[in-house]
Amino acid sequence: MRTVRYRWHLRELMARRGMFSTTDLAPLLAERGIEISASQVHRLVTGTPERLNLQVFAALCDILDASPAELFEPVVITAARRKTAEETGPLPPAPPGEIRRPRRARIVPDES
């Protein structure tokens, strides 16, 4: 299975240009006619936007003197498809006198 994701490099590009606070970006956006709240600017810088207005995207490229490819990097993730019961075939029969029981799941913390 093929999944397309992306990496958002706004924070890194801001740091290269000496902008280390989200409040540095709001007035520069306003100069280009983009009026968004402080919380929206914060989410734009600290997170990865799922939807983005193209005017905001173009303004960010202009502010940071960056190309769209520097700000937004598509990433393709290829995952192996899980096998189904039909593909793996049926389980062999249990030996006489043995009862099959499900194995207990072990829950481990997420490492991300």
N, C-alpha and C. Protein backbone atom coordinates (compact mmCIF):
# COMPACT_ATOMS: atom_id res chain seq x y z
N MET A 1 0.85 -1.17 0.00
CA MET A 1 0.00 0.00 0.00
C MET A 1 0.90 1.24 0.00
N ARG A 2 0.51 2.25 -0.71
CA ARG A 2 1.30 3.47 -0.87
C ARG A 2 0.52 4.64 -0.26
N THR A 3 1.14 5.33 0.69
CA THR A 3 0.54 6.47 1.36
C THR A 3 1.39 7.70 1.11
N VAL A 4 0.75 8.81 0.81
CA VAL A 4 1.48 10.05 0.58
C VAL A 4 1.26 10.97 1.77
N ARG A 5 2.32 11.38 2.38
CA ARG A 5 2.32 12.32 3.51
C ARG A 5 3.19 13.51 3.12
N TYR A 6 3.43 14.39 4.05
CA TYR A 6 4.32 15.51 3.76
C TYR A 6 5.00 15.99 5.03
N ARG A 7 6.11 16.67 4.83
CA ARG A 7 6.83 17.30 5.93
C ARG A 7 6.70 18.80 5.77
N TRP A 8 6.45 19.49 6.86
CA TRP A 8 6.24 20.92 6.88
C TRP A 8 7.48 21.56 7.50
N HIS A 9 8.19 22.39 6.76
CA HIS A 9 9.47 22.95 7.19
C HIS A 9 9.40 24.41 7.60
N LEU A 10 8.25 24.92 7.96
CA LEU A 10 8.11 26.33 8.28
C LEU A 10 9.00 26.75 9.45
N ARG A 11 8.98 25.97 10.51
CA ARG A 11 9.76 26.33 11.70
C ARG A 11 11.26 26.41 11.38
N GLU A 12 11.78 25.45 10.61
CA GLU A 12 13.19 25.44 10.26
C GLU A 12 13.56 26.65 9.39
N LEU A 13 12.69 26.97 8.42
CA LEU A 13 12.96 28.11 7.55
C LEU A 13 12.92 29.42 8.34
N MET A 14 12.00 29.52 9.29
CA MET A 14 11.94 30.71 10.13
C MET A 14 13.24 30.84 10.93
N ALA A 15 13.71 29.75 11.51
CA ALA A 15 14.92 29.78 12.33
C ALA A 15 16.13 30.20 11.49
N ARG A 16 16.21 29.74 10.24
CA ARG A 16 17.32 30.14 9.37
C ARG A 16 17.36 31.64 9.13
N ARG A 17 16.19 32.25 9.21
CA ARG A 17 16.11 33.69 8.98
C ARG A 17 16.04 34.49 10.28
N GLY A 18 16.34 33.84 11.40
CA GLY A 18 16.41 34.53 12.68
C GLY A 18 15.07 34.79 13.34
N MET A 19 14.02 34.13 12.89
CA MET A 19 12.69 34.27 13.50
C MET A 19 12.46 33.07 14.41
N PHE A 20 12.51 33.31 15.72
CA PHE A 20 12.39 32.20 16.66
C PHE A 20 11.08 32.24 17.45
N SER A 21 10.23 33.19 17.17
CA SER A 21 8.95 33.30 17.88
C SER A 21 7.82 33.35 16.85
N THR A 22 6.70 32.75 17.20
CA THR A 22 5.56 32.77 16.27
C THR A 22 5.04 34.19 16.08
N THR A 23 5.26 35.06 17.07
CA THR A 23 4.79 36.44 16.96
C THR A 23 5.57 37.23 15.92
N ASP A 24 6.74 36.75 15.51
CA ASP A 24 7.53 37.41 14.46
C ASP A 24 6.83 37.31 13.10
N LEU A 25 6.02 36.30 12.93
CA LEU A 25 5.42 36.02 11.63
C LEU A 25 4.15 36.82 11.36
N ALA A 26 3.34 37.09 12.39
CA ALA A 26 2.04 37.74 12.21
C ALA A 26 2.14 39.10 11.50
N PRO A 27 3.04 40.01 11.92
CA PRO A 27 3.10 41.30 11.22
C PRO A 27 3.56 41.18 9.76
N LEU A 28 4.42 40.21 9.48
CA LEU A 28 4.87 40.01 8.11
C LEU A 28 3.74 39.48 7.23
N LEU A 29 2.89 38.63 7.80
CA LEU A 29 1.72 38.17 7.06
C LEU A 29 0.75 39.32 6.84
N ALA A 30 0.56 40.15 7.86
CA ALA A 30 -0.36 41.29 7.75
C ALA A 30 0.09 42.26 6.65
N GLU A 31 1.41 42.45 6.49
CA GLU A 31 1.94 43.30 5.42
C GLU A 31 1.53 42.80 4.05
N ARG A 32 1.26 41.52 3.95
CA ARG A 32 0.89 40.91 2.67
C ARG A 32 -0.61 40.66 2.58
N GLY A 33 -1.38 41.27 3.50
CA GLY A 33 -2.84 41.17 3.45
C GLY A 33 -3.42 39.93 4.08
N ILE A 34 -2.64 39.20 4.83
CA ILE A 34 -3.11 37.97 5.50
C ILE A 34 -3.36 38.31 6.97
N GLU A 35 -4.61 38.34 7.36
CA GLU A 35 -4.98 38.63 8.76
C GLU A 35 -5.46 37.33 9.41
N ILE A 36 -4.62 36.72 10.22
CA ILE A 36 -5.02 35.53 10.97
C ILE A 36 -4.67 35.74 12.44
N SER A 37 -5.38 35.04 13.30
CA SER A 37 -5.20 35.23 14.75
C SER A 37 -3.85 34.68 15.21
N ALA A 38 -3.46 35.09 16.39
CA ALA A 38 -2.19 34.63 16.98
C ALA A 38 -2.20 33.11 17.16
N SER A 39 -3.36 32.56 17.54
CA SER A 39 -3.43 31.10 17.73
C SER A 39 -3.31 30.37 16.40
N GLN A 40 -3.84 30.95 15.33
CA GLN A 40 -3.70 30.33 14.02
C GLN A 40 -2.25 30.37 13.55
N VAL A 41 -1.55 31.47 13.81
CA VAL A 41 -0.13 31.56 13.46
C VAL A 41 0.66 30.53 14.26
N HIS A 42 0.33 30.40 15.54
CA HIS A 42 1.02 29.43 16.40
C HIS A 42 0.84 28.01 15.86
N ARG A 43 -0.41 27.65 15.51
CA ARG A 43 -0.66 26.30 14.97
C ARG A 43 0.05 26.09 13.65
N LEU A 44 0.13 27.14 12.83
CA LEU A 44 0.80 27.05 11.54
C LEU A 44 2.29 26.77 11.71
N VAL A 45 2.90 27.40 12.71
CA VAL A 45 4.34 27.24 12.93
C VAL A 45 4.66 25.96 13.68
N THR A 46 3.91 25.64 14.72
CA THR A 46 4.26 24.51 15.58
C THR A 46 3.71 23.17 15.10
N GLY A 47 2.70 23.19 14.26
CA GLY A 47 2.11 21.94 13.80
C GLY A 47 2.30 21.75 12.31
N THR A 48 1.62 20.76 11.79
CA THR A 48 1.61 20.49 10.36
C THR A 48 0.18 20.70 9.88
N PRO A 49 -0.06 21.74 9.07
CA PRO A 49 -1.43 22.03 8.66
C PRO A 49 -1.98 20.95 7.73
N GLU A 50 -3.26 20.62 7.93
CA GLU A 50 -3.92 19.68 7.02
C GLU A 50 -4.49 20.41 5.81
N ARG A 51 -4.95 21.63 6.04
CA ARG A 51 -5.46 22.47 4.96
C ARG A 51 -4.77 23.83 5.07
N LEU A 52 -4.45 24.42 3.93
CA LEU A 52 -3.77 25.71 3.95
C LEU A 52 -4.22 26.53 2.76
N ASN A 53 -4.63 27.76 3.03
CA ASN A 53 -5.02 28.69 1.99
C ASN A 53 -3.79 28.98 1.12
N LEU A 54 -3.97 28.98 -0.20
CA LEU A 54 -2.83 29.19 -1.09
C LEU A 54 -2.27 30.61 -0.98
N GLN A 55 -3.09 31.58 -0.60
CA GLN A 55 -2.57 32.93 -0.40
C GLN A 55 -1.62 32.95 0.80
N VAL A 56 -1.96 32.22 1.85
CA VAL A 56 -1.09 32.12 3.03
C VAL A 56 0.19 31.40 2.64
N PHE A 57 0.07 30.33 1.88
CA PHE A 57 1.24 29.57 1.43
C PHE A 57 2.18 30.45 0.60
N ALA A 58 1.61 31.21 -0.33
CA ALA A 58 2.41 32.10 -1.17
C ALA A 58 3.06 33.20 -0.33
N ALA A 59 2.32 33.73 0.65
CA ALA A 59 2.88 34.76 1.52
C ALA A 59 4.04 34.21 2.34
N LEU A 60 3.91 32.98 2.84
CA LEU A 60 4.99 32.36 3.60
C LEU A 60 6.24 32.19 2.73
N CYS A 61 6.04 31.75 1.49
CA CYS A 61 7.17 31.59 0.57
C CYS A 61 7.85 32.94 0.34
N ASP A 62 7.06 34.00 0.19
CA ASP A 62 7.61 35.34 -0.03
C ASP A 62 8.35 35.84 1.21
N ILE A 63 7.75 35.67 2.38
CA ILE A 63 8.36 36.13 3.63
C ILE A 63 9.70 35.44 3.86
N LEU A 64 9.73 34.14 3.63
CA LEU A 64 10.92 33.35 3.92
C LEU A 64 11.89 33.26 2.73
N ASP A 65 11.50 33.89 1.62
CA ASP A 65 12.30 33.84 0.40
C ASP A 65 12.64 32.39 0.07
N ALA A 66 11.60 31.57 0.07
CA ALA A 66 11.76 30.12 -0.13
C ALA A 66 10.85 29.66 -1.25
N SER A 67 11.21 28.56 -1.87
CA SER A 67 10.35 27.96 -2.88
C SER A 67 9.33 27.06 -2.17
N PRO A 68 8.23 26.77 -2.83
CA PRO A 68 7.25 25.86 -2.22
C PRO A 68 7.88 24.51 -1.85
N ALA A 69 8.84 24.04 -2.63
CA ALA A 69 9.49 22.75 -2.35
C ALA A 69 10.31 22.78 -1.07
N GLU A 70 10.81 23.97 -0.69
CA GLU A 70 11.57 24.07 0.56
C GLU A 70 10.64 24.07 1.77
N LEU A 71 9.44 24.60 1.59
CA LEU A 71 8.49 24.71 2.69
C LEU A 71 7.68 23.43 2.88
N PHE A 72 7.41 22.75 1.80
CA PHE A 72 6.51 21.60 1.80
C PHE A 72 7.21 20.47 1.06
N GLU A 73 7.42 19.34 1.75
CA GLU A 73 8.13 18.21 1.15
C GLU A 73 7.24 16.97 1.15
N PRO A 74 6.78 16.54 -0.04
CA PRO A 74 5.98 15.32 -0.10
C PRO A 74 6.83 14.09 0.24
N VAL A 75 6.23 13.15 0.96
CA VAL A 75 6.93 11.93 1.35
C VAL A 75 6.01 10.75 1.05
N VAL A 76 6.55 9.75 0.36
CA VAL A 76 5.78 8.54 0.04
C VAL A 76 6.19 7.44 1.01
N ILE A 77 5.19 6.85 1.65
CA ILE A 77 5.42 5.75 2.58
C ILE A 77 4.82 4.50 1.97
N THR A 78 5.65 3.50 1.80
CA THR A 78 5.18 2.23 1.24
C THR A 78 5.13 1.21 2.35
N ALA A 79 3.97 0.65 2.57
CA ALA A 79 3.80 -0.36 3.62
C ALA A 79 3.38 -1.67 2.97
N ALA A 80 3.87 -2.75 3.51
CA ALA A 80 3.48 -4.07 3.02
C ALA A 80 2.04 -4.34 3.40
N ARG A 81 1.32 -4.95 2.50
CA ARG A 81 -0.07 -5.29 2.76
C ARG A 81 -0.13 -6.48 3.71
N ARG A 82 -1.03 -6.43 4.68
CA ARG A 82 -1.18 -7.53 5.61
C ARG A 82 -1.83 -8.71 4.92
N LYS A 83 -1.38 -9.89 5.27
CA LYS A 83 -1.95 -11.09 4.68
C LYS A 83 -3.30 -11.38 5.32
N THR A 84 -4.20 -11.90 4.53
CA THR A 84 -5.52 -12.29 5.04
C THR A 84 -5.50 -13.79 5.34
N ALA A 85 -6.52 -14.23 6.01
CA ALA A 85 -6.62 -15.66 6.34
C ALA A 85 -6.66 -16.50 5.07
N GLU A 86 -7.28 -15.99 4.02
CA GLU A 86 -7.35 -16.74 2.77
C GLU A 86 -5.96 -16.92 2.16
N GLU A 87 -5.10 -15.92 2.30
CA GLU A 87 -3.76 -16.00 1.72
C GLU A 87 -2.84 -16.92 2.52
N THR A 88 -3.00 -16.94 3.83
CA THR A 88 -2.12 -17.75 4.66
C THR A 88 -2.63 -19.17 4.83
N GLY A 89 -3.88 -19.40 4.55
CA GLY A 89 -4.46 -20.73 4.68
C GLY A 89 -4.97 -20.97 6.10
N PRO A 90 -5.71 -22.02 6.30
CA PRO A 90 -6.27 -22.28 7.62
C PRO A 90 -5.19 -22.75 8.59
N LEU A 91 -5.45 -22.55 9.88
CA LEU A 91 -4.54 -23.03 10.91
C LEU A 91 -4.59 -24.55 10.96
N PRO A 92 -3.48 -25.18 11.27
CA PRO A 92 -3.53 -26.64 11.40
C PRO A 92 -4.40 -27.01 12.60
N PRO A 93 -5.01 -28.17 12.58
CA PRO A 93 -5.87 -28.55 13.68
C PRO A 93 -5.07 -28.70 14.98
N ALA A 94 -5.74 -28.40 16.09
CA ALA A 94 -5.09 -28.53 17.40
C ALA A 94 -4.88 -30.01 17.70
N PRO A 95 -3.77 -30.33 18.37
CA PRO A 95 -3.56 -31.72 18.77
C PRO A 95 -4.71 -32.19 19.67
N PRO A 96 -4.97 -33.47 19.69
CA PRO A 96 -6.07 -33.99 20.50
C PRO A 96 -5.90 -33.61 21.98
N GLY A 97 -6.97 -33.16 22.59
CA GLY A 97 -6.96 -32.81 24.01
C GLY A 97 -6.47 -31.40 24.28
N GLU A 98 -5.99 -30.68 23.29
CA GLU A 98 -5.50 -29.32 23.51
C GLU A 98 -6.56 -28.31 23.09
N ILE A 99 -6.76 -27.33 23.93
CA ILE A 99 -7.72 -26.28 23.62
C ILE A 99 -6.93 -25.05 23.18
N ARG A 100 -7.30 -24.50 22.06
CA ARG A 100 -6.63 -23.28 21.59
C ARG A 100 -7.24 -22.07 22.26
N ARG A 101 -6.35 -21.23 22.77
CA ARG A 101 -6.79 -19.98 23.40
C ARG A 101 -6.02 -18.83 22.76
N PRO A 102 -6.66 -17.69 22.71
CA PRO A 102 -5.93 -16.54 22.15
C PRO A 102 -4.77 -16.14 23.05
N ARG A 103 -3.73 -15.61 22.44
CA ARG A 103 -2.59 -15.12 23.21
C ARG A 103 -2.94 -13.76 23.81
N ARG A 104 -2.43 -13.51 25.00
CA ARG A 104 -2.64 -12.23 25.66
C ARG A 104 -1.84 -11.15 24.92
N ALA A 105 -2.48 -10.02 24.69
CA ALA A 105 -1.82 -8.90 24.01
C ALA A 105 -0.90 -8.19 24.99
N ARG A 106 0.23 -7.76 24.48
CA ARG A 106 1.16 -6.98 25.29
C ARG A 106 1.13 -5.56 24.75
N ILE A 107 0.77 -4.61 25.59
CA ILE A 107 0.66 -3.22 25.17
C ILE A 107 1.94 -2.50 25.59
N VAL A 108 2.59 -1.90 24.58
CA VAL A 108 3.82 -1.16 24.84
C VAL A 108 3.60 0.30 24.49
N PRO A 109 4.27 1.21 25.18
CA PRO A 109 4.08 2.63 24.89
C PRO A 109 4.59 2.99 23.51
N ASP A 110 3.94 3.98 22.88
CA ASP A 110 4.33 4.47 21.58
C ASP A 110 5.64 5.23 21.71
N GLU A 111 6.59 5.00 20.81
CA GLU A 111 7.91 5.60 20.90
C GLU A 111 8.02 6.89 20.10
N SER A 112 6.93 7.45 19.61
CA SER A 112 7.05 8.67 18.80
C SER A 112 6.92 9.91 19.61
